Amino acid sequence: MILESLNKNTALEEIELRGNRFSHSCLAKIKRITQRNIKTIEEQEPNKLKAEIYKLRYEHQKLEAAK
């Protein structure tokens, strides 16, 4: 149940689990979830810039065609 909730969470980057009795496989799954979220957050800005570049290239092509 905890894993399902954590998997739906896309903002979690770090979690403190000291003092809990989780299995190694459960901890590994939680680690993968946090790593996925960190990667997604890191890629957000470059993806926005790429989208802007494609938009500007398209506009440039339209201007060239209009000339």
N, C-alpha and C. Protein backbone atom coordinates (compact mmCIF):
# COMPACT_ATOMS: atom_id res chain seq x y z
N MET A 1 0.82 -1.18 0.00
CA MET A 1 0.00 0.00 0.00
C MET A 1 0.88 1.25 0.00
N ILE A 2 1.93 1.24 0.76
CA ILE A 2 2.85 2.38 0.80
C ILE A 2 3.51 2.56 -0.57
N LEU A 3 3.93 1.46 -1.17
CA LEU A 3 4.57 1.54 -2.48
C LEU A 3 3.64 2.11 -3.54
N GLU A 4 2.38 1.73 -3.50
CA GLU A 4 1.40 2.27 -4.44
C GLU A 4 1.28 3.79 -4.29
N SER A 5 1.20 4.24 -3.06
CA SER A 5 1.09 5.69 -2.80
C SER A 5 2.35 6.43 -3.25
N LEU A 6 3.50 5.86 -2.93
CA LEU A 6 4.76 6.50 -3.32
C LEU A 6 4.92 6.51 -4.83
N ASN A 7 4.48 5.46 -5.50
CA ASN A 7 4.63 5.38 -6.95
C ASN A 7 3.79 6.44 -7.65
N LYS A 8 2.65 6.81 -7.07
CA LYS A 8 1.80 7.85 -7.65
C LYS A 8 2.38 9.25 -7.42
N ASN A 9 3.23 9.38 -6.42
CA ASN A 9 3.82 10.67 -6.08
C ASN A 9 4.96 10.96 -7.05
N THR A 10 4.89 12.10 -7.74
CA THR A 10 5.93 12.45 -8.71
C THR A 10 6.85 13.55 -8.20
N ALA A 11 6.67 14.00 -6.98
CA ALA A 11 7.48 15.09 -6.44
C ALA A 11 8.47 14.61 -5.38
N LEU A 12 8.31 13.40 -4.90
CA LEU A 12 9.15 12.89 -3.82
C LEU A 12 10.58 12.66 -4.32
N GLU A 13 11.53 13.33 -3.70
CA GLU A 13 12.93 13.18 -4.06
C GLU A 13 13.73 12.49 -2.97
N GLU A 14 13.27 12.60 -1.75
CA GLU A 14 14.01 12.04 -0.62
C GLU A 14 12.99 11.60 0.43
N ILE A 15 13.31 10.49 1.09
CA ILE A 15 12.42 10.00 2.13
C ILE A 15 13.26 9.38 3.24
N GLU A 16 12.89 9.66 4.46
CA GLU A 16 13.61 9.14 5.63
C GLU A 16 12.85 7.93 6.16
N LEU A 17 13.49 6.78 6.16
CA LEU A 17 12.82 5.55 6.57
C LEU A 17 13.51 4.85 7.74
N ARG A 18 14.36 5.57 8.44
CA ARG A 18 15.05 4.97 9.57
C ARG A 18 14.07 4.50 10.63
N GLY A 19 14.36 3.34 11.22
CA GLY A 19 13.53 2.82 12.29
C GLY A 19 12.35 2.00 11.81
N ASN A 20 12.24 1.80 10.50
CA ASN A 20 11.16 0.99 9.94
C ASN A 20 11.72 -0.34 9.45
N ARG A 21 10.88 -1.32 9.39
CA ARG A 21 11.33 -2.66 9.00
C ARG A 21 10.81 -2.97 7.59
N PHE A 22 11.48 -2.42 6.60
CA PHE A 22 11.13 -2.71 5.22
C PHE A 22 12.10 -3.74 4.67
N SER A 23 11.63 -4.55 3.74
CA SER A 23 12.50 -5.54 3.12
C SER A 23 13.45 -4.83 2.15
N HIS A 24 14.50 -5.53 1.77
CA HIS A 24 15.46 -4.95 0.83
C HIS A 24 14.81 -4.68 -0.52
N SER A 25 13.91 -5.56 -0.95
CA SER A 25 13.25 -5.34 -2.23
C SER A 25 12.33 -4.11 -2.17
N CYS A 26 11.68 -3.91 -1.05
CA CYS A 26 10.82 -2.73 -0.88
C CYS A 26 11.65 -1.46 -0.89
N LEU A 27 12.77 -1.49 -0.18
CA LEU A 27 13.65 -0.31 -0.17
C LEU A 27 14.21 -0.03 -1.56
N ALA A 28 14.53 -1.08 -2.31
CA ALA A 28 15.02 -0.90 -3.68
C ALA A 28 13.96 -0.25 -4.56
N LYS A 29 12.70 -0.67 -4.40
CA LYS A 29 11.61 -0.07 -5.17
C LYS A 29 11.42 1.40 -4.81
N ILE A 30 11.51 1.71 -3.53
CA ILE A 30 11.40 3.11 -3.10
C ILE A 30 12.54 3.93 -3.66
N LYS A 31 13.73 3.37 -3.68
CA LYS A 31 14.88 4.07 -4.24
C LYS A 31 14.69 4.35 -5.73
N ARG A 32 14.14 3.37 -6.46
CA ARG A 32 13.87 3.58 -7.89
C ARG A 32 12.84 4.68 -8.10
N ILE A 33 11.84 4.73 -7.24
CA ILE A 33 10.81 5.77 -7.34
C ILE A 33 11.43 7.15 -7.15
N THR A 34 12.26 7.30 -6.12
CA THR A 34 12.88 8.60 -5.87
C THR A 34 13.84 8.97 -6.99
N GLN A 35 14.57 8.00 -7.53
CA GLN A 35 15.48 8.28 -8.64
C GLN A 35 14.72 8.69 -9.88
N ARG A 36 13.57 8.05 -10.13
CA ARG A 36 12.72 8.42 -11.26
C ARG A 36 12.26 9.87 -11.13
N ASN A 37 11.84 10.24 -9.92
CA ASN A 37 11.36 11.60 -9.69
C ASN A 37 12.47 12.62 -9.86
N ILE A 38 13.65 12.31 -9.36
CA ILE A 38 14.78 13.23 -9.50
C ILE A 38 15.11 13.43 -10.97
N LYS A 39 15.14 12.35 -11.74
CA LYS A 39 15.44 12.44 -13.18
C LYS A 39 14.39 13.27 -13.90
N THR A 40 13.13 13.06 -13.56
CA THR A 40 12.04 13.82 -14.20
C THR A 40 12.17 15.31 -13.90
N ILE A 41 12.46 15.64 -12.67
CA ILE A 41 12.61 17.04 -12.27
C ILE A 41 13.80 17.68 -12.97
N GLU A 42 14.90 16.94 -13.08
CA GLU A 42 16.10 17.47 -13.75
C GLU A 42 15.86 17.69 -15.24
N GLU A 43 15.01 16.88 -15.85
CA GLU A 43 14.76 16.98 -17.29
C GLU A 43 13.71 18.01 -17.66
N GLN A 44 12.97 18.52 -16.69
CA GLN A 44 11.89 19.45 -17.00
C GLN A 44 12.40 20.71 -17.71
N GLU A 45 13.43 21.33 -17.20
CA GLU A 45 13.92 22.57 -17.80
C GLU A 45 14.49 22.34 -19.20
N PRO A 46 15.35 21.34 -19.41
CA PRO A 46 15.83 21.11 -20.77
C PRO A 46 14.70 20.80 -21.76
N ASN A 47 13.67 20.10 -21.32
CA ASN A 47 12.55 19.79 -22.20
C ASN A 47 11.80 21.06 -22.59
N LYS A 48 11.66 21.99 -21.65
CA LYS A 48 11.01 23.27 -21.96
C LYS A 48 11.84 24.04 -22.98
N LEU A 49 13.16 24.03 -22.82
CA LEU A 49 14.03 24.73 -23.75
C LEU A 49 13.98 24.09 -25.14
N LYS A 50 13.95 22.77 -25.20
CA LYS A 50 13.86 22.08 -26.49
C LYS A 50 12.56 22.45 -27.19
N ALA A 51 11.48 22.49 -26.46
CA ALA A 51 10.19 22.85 -27.05
C ALA A 51 10.23 24.26 -27.61
N GLU A 52 10.86 25.16 -26.88
CA GLU A 52 10.98 26.55 -27.35
C GLU A 52 11.85 26.63 -28.61
N ILE A 53 12.90 25.86 -28.66
CA ILE A 53 13.77 25.83 -29.85
C ILE A 53 12.99 25.36 -31.06
N TYR A 54 12.22 24.27 -30.91
CA TYR A 54 11.43 23.77 -32.03
C TYR A 54 10.40 24.79 -32.49
N LYS A 55 9.80 25.48 -31.54
CA LYS A 55 8.82 26.51 -31.87
C LYS A 55 9.47 27.65 -32.65
N LEU A 56 10.64 28.09 -32.20
CA LEU A 56 11.34 29.17 -32.89
C LEU A 56 11.81 28.75 -34.28
N ARG A 57 12.25 27.51 -34.42
CA ARG A 57 12.66 27.02 -35.75
C ARG A 57 11.47 27.02 -36.70
N TYR A 58 10.33 26.60 -36.20
CA TYR A 58 9.12 26.58 -37.02
C TYR A 58 8.76 27.99 -37.46
N GLU A 59 8.80 28.93 -36.54
CA GLU A 59 8.49 30.33 -36.86
C GLU A 59 9.50 30.87 -37.86
N HIS A 60 10.75 30.50 -37.73
CA HIS A 60 11.78 30.94 -38.67
C HIS A 60 11.50 30.39 -40.07
N GLN A 61 11.10 29.16 -40.16
CA GLN A 61 10.75 28.56 -41.45
C GLN A 61 9.57 29.28 -42.08
N LYS A 62 8.59 29.64 -41.27
CA LYS A 62 7.43 30.38 -41.79
C LYS A 62 7.87 31.74 -42.31
N LEU A 63 8.77 32.41 -41.60
CA LEU A 63 9.25 33.72 -42.06
C LEU A 63 10.03 33.60 -43.35
N GLU A 64 10.86 32.59 -43.47
CA GLU A 64 11.62 32.37 -44.70
C GLU A 64 10.68 32.11 -45.89
N ALA A 65 9.65 31.33 -45.64
CA ALA A 65 8.68 31.03 -46.70
C ALA A 65 7.91 32.28 -47.11
N ALA A 66 7.64 33.17 -46.17
CA ALA A 66 6.92 34.40 -46.47
C ALA A 66 7.74 35.38 -47.28
N LYS A 67 9.07 35.31 -47.13
CA LYS A 67 9.94 36.22 -47.88
C LYS A 67 9.91 35.83 -49.33
